[in-house]
């Protein structure tokens, strides 16, 4: 364990890469667990975009 921490802290770029890899791994595991348990969230932006798209389609149909 001490050897791993010595290696990670031996160079600034190795430290940065380690932090990025940990974050990417954490995000991937979180997404896999969320999908496995069916807790997929739809963001508010996606819902807003859908409503705006339907309003734009209605406007185009009214113009024809």
C-alpha atoms as a PDB file:
ATOM      1  CA  UNK A   1       0.000   0.000   0.000  1.00  0.00           C
ATOM      2  CA  UNK A   2       2.851   2.327   0.800  1.00  0.00           C
ATOM      3  CA  UNK A   3       4.460   1.529  -2.557  1.00  0.00           C
ATOM      4  CA  UNK A   4       1.274   2.500  -4.379  1.00  0.00           C
ATOM      5  CA  UNK A   5       1.040   5.834  -2.594  1.00  0.00           C
ATOM      6  CA  UNK A   6       4.736   6.501  -3.257  1.00  0.00           C
ATOM      7  CA  UNK A   7       4.188   5.800  -6.951  1.00  0.00           C
ATOM      8  CA  UNK A   8       1.079   7.996  -7.191  1.00  0.00           C
ATOM      9  CA  UNK A   9       2.763  10.873  -5.396  1.00  0.00           C
ATOM     10  CA  UNK A  10       6.043  10.527  -7.281  1.00  0.00           C
ATOM     11  CA  UNK A  11       5.015  12.781 -10.166  1.00  0.00           C
ATOM     12  CA  UNK A  12       2.405  15.494 -10.629  1.00  0.00           C
ATOM     13  CA  UNK A  13       1.071  14.036 -13.890  1.00  0.00           C
ATOM     14  CA  UNK A  14       0.775  10.546 -12.445  1.00  0.00           C
ATOM     15  CA  UNK A  15      -1.208  12.045  -9.572  1.00  0.00           C
ATOM     16  CA  UNK A  16      -3.511  13.884 -12.002  1.00  0.00           C
ATOM     17  CA  UNK A  17      -4.061  10.757 -14.083  1.00  0.00           C
ATOM     18  CA  UNK A  18      -4.851   8.780 -10.945  1.00  0.00           C
ATOM     19  CA  UNK A  19      -7.447  11.315  -9.861  1.00  0.00           C
ATOM     20  CA  UNK A  20      -9.050  11.272 -13.326  1.00  0.00           C
ATOM     21  CA  UNK A  21      -9.106   7.473 -13.437  1.00  0.00           C
ATOM     22  CA  UNK A  22     -10.700   7.274  -9.995  1.00  0.00           C
ATOM     23  CA  UNK A  23     -13.383   9.785 -10.983  1.00  0.00           C
ATOM     24  CA  UNK A  24     -14.158   8.019 -14.275  1.00  0.00           C
ATOM     25  CA  UNK A  25     -14.341   4.671 -12.506  1.00  0.00           C
ATOM     26  CA  UNK A  26     -16.606   6.063  -9.805  1.00  0.00           C
ATOM     27  CA  UNK A  27     -18.965   7.553 -12.387  1.00  0.00           C
ATOM     28  CA  UNK A  28     -19.081   4.320 -14.383  1.00  0.00           C
ATOM     29  CA  UNK A  29     -19.860   2.229 -11.305  1.00  0.00           C
ATOM     30  CA  UNK A  30     -22.569   4.691 -10.261  1.00  0.00           C
ATOM     31  CA  UNK A  31     -24.195   4.510 -13.700  1.00  0.00           C
ATOM     32  CA  UNK A  32     -24.072   0.714 -13.728  1.00  0.00           C
ATOM     33  CA  UNK A  33     -25.652   0.500 -10.273  1.00  0.00           C
ATOM     34  CA  UNK A  34     -28.317   3.058 -11.193  1.00  0.00           C
ATOM     35  CA  UNK A  35     -29.209   1.098 -14.318  1.00  0.00           C
ATOM     36  CA  UNK A  36     -29.239  -2.183 -12.432  1.00  0.00           C
ATOM     37  CA  UNK A  37     -31.671  -0.892  -9.833  1.00  0.00           C
ATOM     38  CA  UNK A  38     -33.768   1.093 -12.336  1.00  0.00           C
ATOM     39  CA  UNK A  39     -33.056   4.488 -10.850  1.00  0.00           C
ATOM     40  CA  UNK A  40     -32.425   6.376 -14.056  1.00  0.00           C
ATOM     41  CA  UNK A  41     -33.191  10.050 -13.696  1.00  0.00           C
ATOM     42  CA  UNK A  42     -34.370  12.286 -16.507  1.00  0.00           C
ATOM     43  CA  UNK A  43     -32.837  15.679 -16.120  1.00  0.00           C
ATOM     44  CA  UNK A  44     -34.964  18.804 -16.068  1.00  0.00           C
ATOM     45  CA  UNK A  45     -33.146  20.090 -19.156  1.00  0.00           C
ATOM     46  CA  UNK A  46     -34.245  17.093 -21.212  1.00  0.00           C
ATOM     47  CA  UNK A  47     -37.865  17.599 -20.233  1.00  0.00           C
ATOM     48  CA  UNK A  48     -37.655  21.323 -21.037  1.00  0.00           C
ATOM     49  CA  UNK A  49     -36.069  20.626 -24.415  1.00  0.00           C
ATOM     50  CA  UNK A  50     -38.871  18.199 -25.295  1.00  0.00           C
ATOM     51  CA  UNK A  51     -41.535  20.761 -24.429  1.00  0.00           C
ATOM     52  CA  UNK A  52     -39.784  23.453 -26.451  1.00  0.00           C
ATOM     53  CA  UNK A  53     -39.479  21.104 -29.422  1.00  0.00           C
ATOM     54  CA  UNK A  54     -43.200  20.335 -29.364  1.00  0.00           C
ATOM     55  CA  UNK A  55     -43.989  24.066 -29.158  1.00  0.00           C
ATOM     56  CA  UNK A  56     -41.743  24.676 -32.172  1.00  0.00           C
ATOM     57  CA  UNK A  57     -43.490  21.891 -34.114  1.00  0.00           C
ATOM     58  CA  UNK A  58     -46.895  23.374 -33.252  1.00  0.00           C
ATOM     59  CA  UNK A  59     -45.722  26.783 -34.430  1.00  0.00           C
ATOM     60  CA  UNK A  60     -44.520  25.342 -37.753  1.00  0.00           C
ATOM     61  CA  UNK A  61     -47.857  23.620 -38.304  1.00  0.00           C
ATOM     62  CA  UNK A  62     -49.750  26.857 -37.547  1.00  0.00           C
ATOM     63  CA  UNK A  63     -47.648  28.723 -40.102  1.00  0.00           C
ATOM     64  CA  UNK A  64     -48.526  26.289 -42.900  1.00  0.00           C
END
